[in-house]
Amino acid sequence: MANVSGFFKNVMSEMRKVSWPRRKELTKYTVIVLATVVIMAVFFAVVDLGISELFRWYLAL
């Protein structure tokens, strides 16, 4: 049990050393991530639609 409590003490010690982002940085990074996800989702939706239409055209021949 001493190892477990020592582990959590070490974890808390390391967590105090972490340089956490400020609110402005966090907001900026969150917007960047969300924009990237939306752009990638739109890209893959368009690619999927294109491939689907290509297969429909091919099967209709």
PDB file of N, CA and C in Angstrom:
ATOM      1  N   MET A   1       0.822  -1.194   0.000  1.00  0.00           N
ATOM      2  CA  MET A   1       0.000   0.000   0.000  1.00  0.00           C
ATOM      3  C   MET A   1       0.866   1.258   0.000  1.00  0.00           C
ATOM      4  N   ALA A   2       2.063   1.142   0.549  1.00  0.00           N
ATOM      5  CA  ALA A   2       2.967   2.288   0.585  1.00  0.00           C
ATOM      6  C   ALA A   2       3.387   2.689  -0.829  1.00  0.00           C
ATOM      7  N   ASN A   3       3.516   1.689  -1.710  1.00  0.00           N
ATOM      8  CA  ASN A   3       3.887   1.992  -3.094  1.00  0.00           C
ATOM      9  C   ASN A   3       2.806   2.794  -3.802  1.00  0.00           C
ATOM     10  N   VAL A   4       1.557   2.487  -3.502  1.00  0.00           N
ATOM     11  CA  VAL A   4       0.444   3.195  -4.141  1.00  0.00           C
ATOM     12  C   VAL A   4       0.414   4.649  -3.686  1.00  0.00           C
ATOM     13  N   SER A   5       0.543   4.880  -2.396  1.00  0.00           N
ATOM     14  CA  SER A   5       0.518   6.264  -1.906  1.00  0.00           C
ATOM     15  C   SER A   5       1.745   7.028  -2.401  1.00  0.00           C
ATOM     16  N   GLY A   6       2.887   6.374  -2.468  1.00  0.00           N
ATOM     17  CA  GLY A   6       4.092   7.006  -3.008  1.00  0.00           C
ATOM     18  C   GLY A   6       3.924   7.362  -4.479  1.00  0.00           C
ATOM     19  N   PHE A   7       3.258   6.473  -5.197  1.00  0.00           N
ATOM     20  CA  PHE A   7       2.997   6.733  -6.613  1.00  0.00           C
ATOM     21  C   PHE A   7       2.161   7.997  -6.783  1.00  0.00           C
ATOM     22  N   PHE A   8       1.075   8.108  -6.008  1.00  0.00           N
ATOM     23  CA  PHE A   8       0.206   9.275  -6.143  1.00  0.00           C
ATOM     24  C   PHE A   8       0.891  10.556  -5.664  1.00  0.00           C
ATOM     25  N   LYS A   9       1.764  10.455  -4.685  1.00  0.00           N
ATOM     26  CA  LYS A   9       2.538  11.630  -4.269  1.00  0.00           C
ATOM     27  C   LYS A   9       3.447  12.091  -5.408  1.00  0.00           C
ATOM     28  N   ASN A  10       4.075  11.132  -6.072  1.00  0.00           N
ATOM     29  CA  ASN A  10       4.928  11.471  -7.215  1.00  0.00           C
ATOM     30  C   ASN A  10       4.115  12.061  -8.365  1.00  0.00           C
ATOM     31  N   VAL A  11       2.931  11.515  -8.579  1.00  0.00           N
ATOM     32  CA  VAL A  11       2.057  12.048  -9.629  1.00  0.00           C
ATOM     33  C   VAL A  11       1.705  13.496  -9.328  1.00  0.00           C
ATOM     34  N   MET A  12       1.313  13.784  -8.100  1.00  0.00           N
ATOM     35  CA  MET A  12       0.952  15.154  -7.729  1.00  0.00           C
ATOM     36  C   MET A  12       2.156  16.084  -7.854  1.00  0.00           C
ATOM     37  N   SER A  13       3.324  15.599  -7.492  1.00  0.00           N
ATOM     38  CA  SER A  13       4.538  16.400  -7.620  1.00  0.00           C
ATOM     39  C   SER A  13       4.799  16.754  -9.083  1.00  0.00           C
ATOM     40  N   GLU A  14       4.637  15.793  -9.961  1.00  0.00           N
ATOM     41  CA  GLU A  14       4.857  16.038 -11.388  1.00  0.00           C
ATOM     42  C   GLU A  14       3.773  16.940 -11.974  1.00  0.00           C
ATOM     43  N   MET A  15       2.537  16.795 -11.498  1.00  0.00           N
ATOM     44  CA  MET A  15       1.440  17.629 -12.009  1.00  0.00           C
ATOM     45  C   MET A  15       1.668  19.098 -11.665  1.00  0.00           C
ATOM     46  N   ARG A  16       2.311  19.372 -10.546  1.00  0.00           N
ATOM     47  CA  ARG A  16       2.612  20.760 -10.174  1.00  0.00           C
ATOM     48  C   ARG A  16       3.652  21.376 -11.108  1.00  0.00           C
ATOM     49  N   LYS A  17       4.474  20.548 -11.726  1.00  0.00           N
ATOM     50  CA  LYS A  17       5.523  21.031 -12.624  1.00  0.00           C
ATOM     51  C   LYS A  17       5.015  21.311 -14.039  1.00  0.00           C
ATOM     52  N   VAL A  18       3.820  20.840 -14.346  1.00  0.00           N
ATOM     53  CA  VAL A  18       3.285  20.977 -15.699  1.00  0.00           C
ATOM     54  C   VAL A  18       2.979  22.438 -15.995  1.00  0.00           C
ATOM     55  N   SER A  19       3.329  22.861 -17.191  1.00  0.00           N
ATOM     56  CA  SER A  19       3.010  24.216 -17.641  1.00  0.00           C
ATOM     57  C   SER A  19       1.683  24.152 -18.397  1.00  0.00           C
ATOM     58  N   TRP A  20       0.600  24.506 -17.720  1.00  0.00           N
ATOM     59  CA  TRP A  20      -0.726  24.421 -18.315  1.00  0.00           C
ATOM     60  C   TRP A  20      -0.969  25.625 -19.216  1.00  0.00           C
ATOM     61  N   PRO A  21      -1.689  25.440 -20.337  1.00  0.00           N
ATOM     62  CA  PRO A  21      -1.951  26.573 -21.226  1.00  0.00           C
ATOM     63  C   PRO A  21      -2.922  27.563 -20.589  1.00  0.00           C
ATOM     64  N   ARG A  22      -2.741  28.824 -20.952  1.00  0.00           N
ATOM     65  CA  ARG A  22      -3.659  29.861 -20.484  1.00  0.00           C
ATOM     66  C   ARG A  22      -4.962  29.743 -21.262  1.00  0.00           C
ATOM     67  N   ARG A  23      -5.975  30.449 -20.781  1.00  0.00           N
ATOM     68  CA  ARG A  23      -7.298  30.365 -21.401  1.00  0.00           C
ATOM     69  C   ARG A  23      -7.253  30.757 -22.883  1.00  0.00           C
ATOM     70  N   LYS A  24      -6.512  31.811 -23.205  1.00  0.00           N
ATOM     71  CA  LYS A  24      -6.427  32.282 -24.588  1.00  0.00           C
ATOM     72  C   LYS A  24      -5.779  31.224 -25.483  1.00  0.00           C
ATOM     73  N   GLU A  25      -4.696  30.612 -24.995  1.00  0.00           N
ATOM     74  CA  GLU A  25      -4.020  29.562 -25.758  1.00  0.00           C
ATOM     75  C   GLU A  25      -4.933  28.354 -25.940  1.00  0.00           C
ATOM     76  N   LEU A  26      -5.604  27.978 -24.867  1.00  0.00           N
ATOM     77  CA  LEU A  26      -6.487  26.822 -24.920  1.00  0.00           C
ATOM     78  C   LEU A  26      -7.610  27.041 -25.922  1.00  0.00           C
ATOM     79  N   THR A  27      -8.188  28.240 -25.926  1.00  0.00           N
ATOM     80  CA  THR A  27      -9.251  28.562 -26.876  1.00  0.00           C
ATOM     81  C   THR A  27      -8.717  28.505 -28.304  1.00  0.00           C
ATOM     82  N   LYS A  28      -7.543  29.062 -28.517  1.00  0.00           N
ATOM     83  CA  LYS A  28      -6.922  29.066 -29.850  1.00  0.00           C
ATOM     84  C   LYS A  28      -6.692  27.641 -30.344  1.00  0.00           C
ATOM     85  N   TYR A  29      -6.115  26.810 -29.492  1.00  0.00           N
ATOM     86  CA  TYR A  29      -5.828  25.432 -29.885  1.00  0.00           C
ATOM     87  C   TYR A  29      -7.113  24.638 -30.119  1.00  0.00           C
ATOM     88  N   THR A  30      -8.130  24.896 -29.306  1.00  0.00           N
ATOM     89  CA  THR A  30      -9.403  24.204 -29.474  1.00  0.00           C
ATOM     90  C   THR A  30     -10.034  24.561 -30.811  1.00  0.00           C
ATOM     91  N   VAL A  31     -10.009  25.837 -31.168  1.00  0.00           N
ATOM     92  CA  VAL A  31     -10.564  26.278 -32.454  1.00  0.00           C
ATOM     93  C   VAL A  31      -9.792  25.647 -33.607  1.00  0.00           C
ATOM     94  N   ILE A  32      -8.478  25.581 -33.490  1.00  0.00           N
ATOM     95  CA  ILE A  32      -7.662  24.969 -34.544  1.00  0.00           C
ATOM     96  C   ILE A  32      -8.021  23.496 -34.712  1.00  0.00           C
ATOM     97  N   VAL A  33      -8.159  22.780 -33.610  1.00  0.00           N
ATOM     98  CA  VAL A  33      -8.493  21.357 -33.676  1.00  0.00           C
ATOM     99  C   VAL A  33      -9.877  21.160 -34.280  1.00  0.00           C
ATOM    100  N   LEU A  34     -10.860  21.929 -33.829  1.00  0.00           N
ATOM    101  CA  LEU A  34     -12.217  21.786 -34.356  1.00  0.00           C
ATOM    102  C   LEU A  34     -12.275  22.130 -35.842  1.00  0.00           C
ATOM    103  N   ALA A  35     -11.581  23.181 -36.254  1.00  0.00           N
ATOM    104  CA  ALA A  35     -11.560  23.549 -37.672  1.00  0.00           C
ATOM    105  C   ALA A  35     -10.915  22.444 -38.505  1.00  0.00           C
ATOM    106  N   THR A  36      -9.840  21.872 -38.001  1.00  0.00           N
ATOM    107  CA  THR A  36      -9.171  20.784 -38.713  1.00  0.00           C
ATOM    108  C   THR A  36     -10.086  19.575 -38.843  1.00  0.00           C
ATOM    109  N   VAL A  37     -10.796  19.247 -37.781  1.00  0.00           N
ATOM    110  CA  VAL A  37     -11.720  18.109 -37.811  1.00  0.00           C
ATOM    111  C   VAL A  37     -12.832  18.355 -38.822  1.00  0.00           C
ATOM    112  N   VAL A  38     -13.389  19.561 -38.837  1.00  0.00           N
ATOM    113  CA  VAL A  38     -14.465  19.877 -39.782  1.00  0.00           C
ATOM    114  C   VAL A  38     -13.948  19.808 -41.219  1.00  0.00           C
ATOM    115  N   ILE A  39     -12.783  20.375 -41.472  1.00  0.00           N
ATOM    116  CA  ILE A  39     -12.211  20.343 -42.824  1.00  0.00           C
ATOM    117  C   ILE A  39     -11.969  18.907 -43.276  1.00  0.00           C
ATOM    118  N   MET A  40     -11.414  18.087 -42.396  1.00  0.00           N
ATOM    119  CA  MET A  40     -11.160  16.687 -42.749  1.00  0.00           C
ATOM    120  C   MET A  40     -12.463  15.919 -42.972  1.00  0.00           C
ATOM    121  N   ALA A  41     -13.476  16.199 -42.160  1.00  0.00           N
ATOM    122  CA  ALA A  41     -14.769  15.533 -42.322  1.00  0.00           C
ATOM    123  C   ALA A  41     -15.390  15.891 -43.667  1.00  0.00           C
ATOM    124  N   VAL A  42     -15.338  17.161 -44.033  1.00  0.00           N
ATOM    125  CA  VAL A  42     -15.875  17.586 -45.330  1.00  0.00           C
ATOM    126  C   VAL A  42     -15.075  16.947 -46.463  1.00  0.00           C
ATOM    127  N   PHE A  43     -13.764  16.939 -46.338  1.00  0.00           N
ATOM    128  CA  PHE A  43     -12.918  16.329 -47.365  1.00  0.00           C
ATOM    129  C   PHE A  43     -13.282  14.866 -47.580  1.00  0.00           C
ATOM    130  N   PHE A  44     -13.368  14.096 -46.492  1.00  0.00           N
ATOM    131  CA  PHE A  44     -13.666  12.676 -46.637  1.00  0.00           C
ATOM    132  C   PHE A  44     -15.097  12.438 -47.095  1.00  0.00           C
ATOM    133  N   ALA A  45     -16.019  13.313 -46.739  1.00  0.00           N
ATOM    134  CA  ALA A  45     -17.392  13.191 -47.229  1.00  0.00           C
ATOM    135  C   ALA A  45     -17.429  13.398 -48.741  1.00  0.00           C
ATOM    136  N   VAL A  46     -16.689  14.384 -49.232  1.00  0.00           N
ATOM    137  CA  VAL A  46     -16.639  14.640 -50.677  1.00  0.00           C
ATOM    138  C   VAL A  46     -15.967  13.477 -51.403  1.00  0.00           C
ATOM    139  N   VAL A  47     -14.881  12.966 -50.860  1.00  0.00           N
ATOM    140  CA  VAL A  47     -14.202  11.818 -51.471  1.00  0.00           C
ATOM    141  C   VAL A  47     -15.130  10.610 -51.480  1.00  0.00           C
ATOM    142  N   ASP A  48     -15.822  10.358 -50.384  1.00  0.00           N
ATOM    143  CA  ASP A  48     -16.757   9.238 -50.302  1.00  0.00           C
ATOM    144  C   ASP A  48     -17.879   9.392 -51.320  1.00  0.00           C
ATOM    145  N   LEU A  49     -18.417  10.590 -51.429  1.00  0.00           N
ATOM    146  CA  LEU A  49     -19.475  10.846 -52.400  1.00  0.00           C
ATOM    147  C   LEU A  49     -18.959  10.627 -53.821  1.00  0.00           C
ATOM    148  N   GLY A  50     -17.759  11.098 -54.102  1.00  0.00           N
ATOM    149  CA  GLY A  50     -17.176  10.910 -55.430  1.00  0.00           C
ATOM    150  C   GLY A  50     -16.972   9.445 -55.765  1.00  0.00           C
ATOM    151  N   ILE A  51     -16.451   8.686 -54.831  1.00  0.00           N
ATOM    152  CA  ILE A  51     -16.240   7.256 -55.069  1.00  0.00           C
ATOM    153  C   ILE A  51     -17.572   6.541 -55.241  1.00  0.00           C
ATOM    154  N   SER A  52     -18.565   6.897 -54.442  1.00  0.00           N
ATOM    155  CA  SER A  52     -19.894   6.289 -54.562  1.00  0.00           C
ATOM    156  C   SER A  52     -20.497   6.566 -55.934  1.00  0.00           C
ATOM    157  N   GLU A  53     -20.398   7.816 -56.376  1.00  0.00           N
ATOM    158  CA  GLU A  53     -20.937   8.167 -57.693  1.00  0.00           C
ATOM    159  C   GLU A  53     -20.168   7.463 -58.805  1.00  0.00           C
ATOM    160  N   LEU A  54     -18.876   7.312 -58.649  1.00  0.00           N
ATOM    161  CA  LEU A  54     -18.069   6.602 -59.635  1.00  0.00           C
ATOM    162  C   LEU A  54     -18.503   5.145 -59.741  1.00  0.00           C
ATOM    163  N   PHE A  55     -18.740   4.490 -58.621  1.00  0.00           N
ATOM    164  CA  PHE A  55     -19.210   3.106 -58.639  1.00  0.00           C
ATOM    165  C   PHE A  55     -20.607   2.997 -59.229  1.00  0.00           C
ATOM    166  N   ARG A  56     -21.485   3.936 -58.899  1.00  0.00           N
ATOM    167  CA  ARG A  56     -22.839   3.914 -59.483  1.00  0.00           C
ATOM    168  C   ARG A  56     -22.771   4.063 -60.994  1.00  0.00           C
ATOM    169  N   TRP A  57     -21.922   4.970 -61.458  1.00  0.00           N
ATOM    170  CA  TRP A  57     -21.767   5.169 -62.895  1.00  0.00           C
ATOM    171  C   TRP A  57     -21.212   3.899 -63.544  1.00  0.00           C
ATOM    172  N   TYR A  58     -20.214   3.286 -62.913  1.00  0.00           N
ATOM    173  CA  TYR A  58     -19.601   2.075 -63.452  1.00  0.00           C
ATOM    174  C   TYR A  58     -20.600   0.921 -63.492  1.00  0.00           C
ATOM    175  N   LEU A  59     -21.402   0.770 -62.448  1.00  0.00           N
ATOM    176  CA  LEU A  59     -22.367  -0.328 -62.399  1.00  0.00           C
ATOM    177  C   LEU A  59     -23.533  -0.108 -63.351  1.00  0.00           C
ATOM    178  N   ALA A  60     -23.782   1.138 -63.727  1.00  0.00           N
ATOM    179  CA  ALA A  60     -24.882   1.434 -64.640  1.00  0.00           C
ATOM    180  C   ALA A  60     -24.496   1.167 -66.094  1.00  0.00           C
ATOM    181  N   LEU A  61     -23.222   0.950 -66.366  1.00  0.00           N
ATOM    182  CA  LEU A  61     -22.790   0.697 -67.747  1.00  0.00           C
ATOM    183  C   LEU A  61     -23.318  -0.603 -68.275  1.00  0.00           C
TER     184      LEU A  61
END
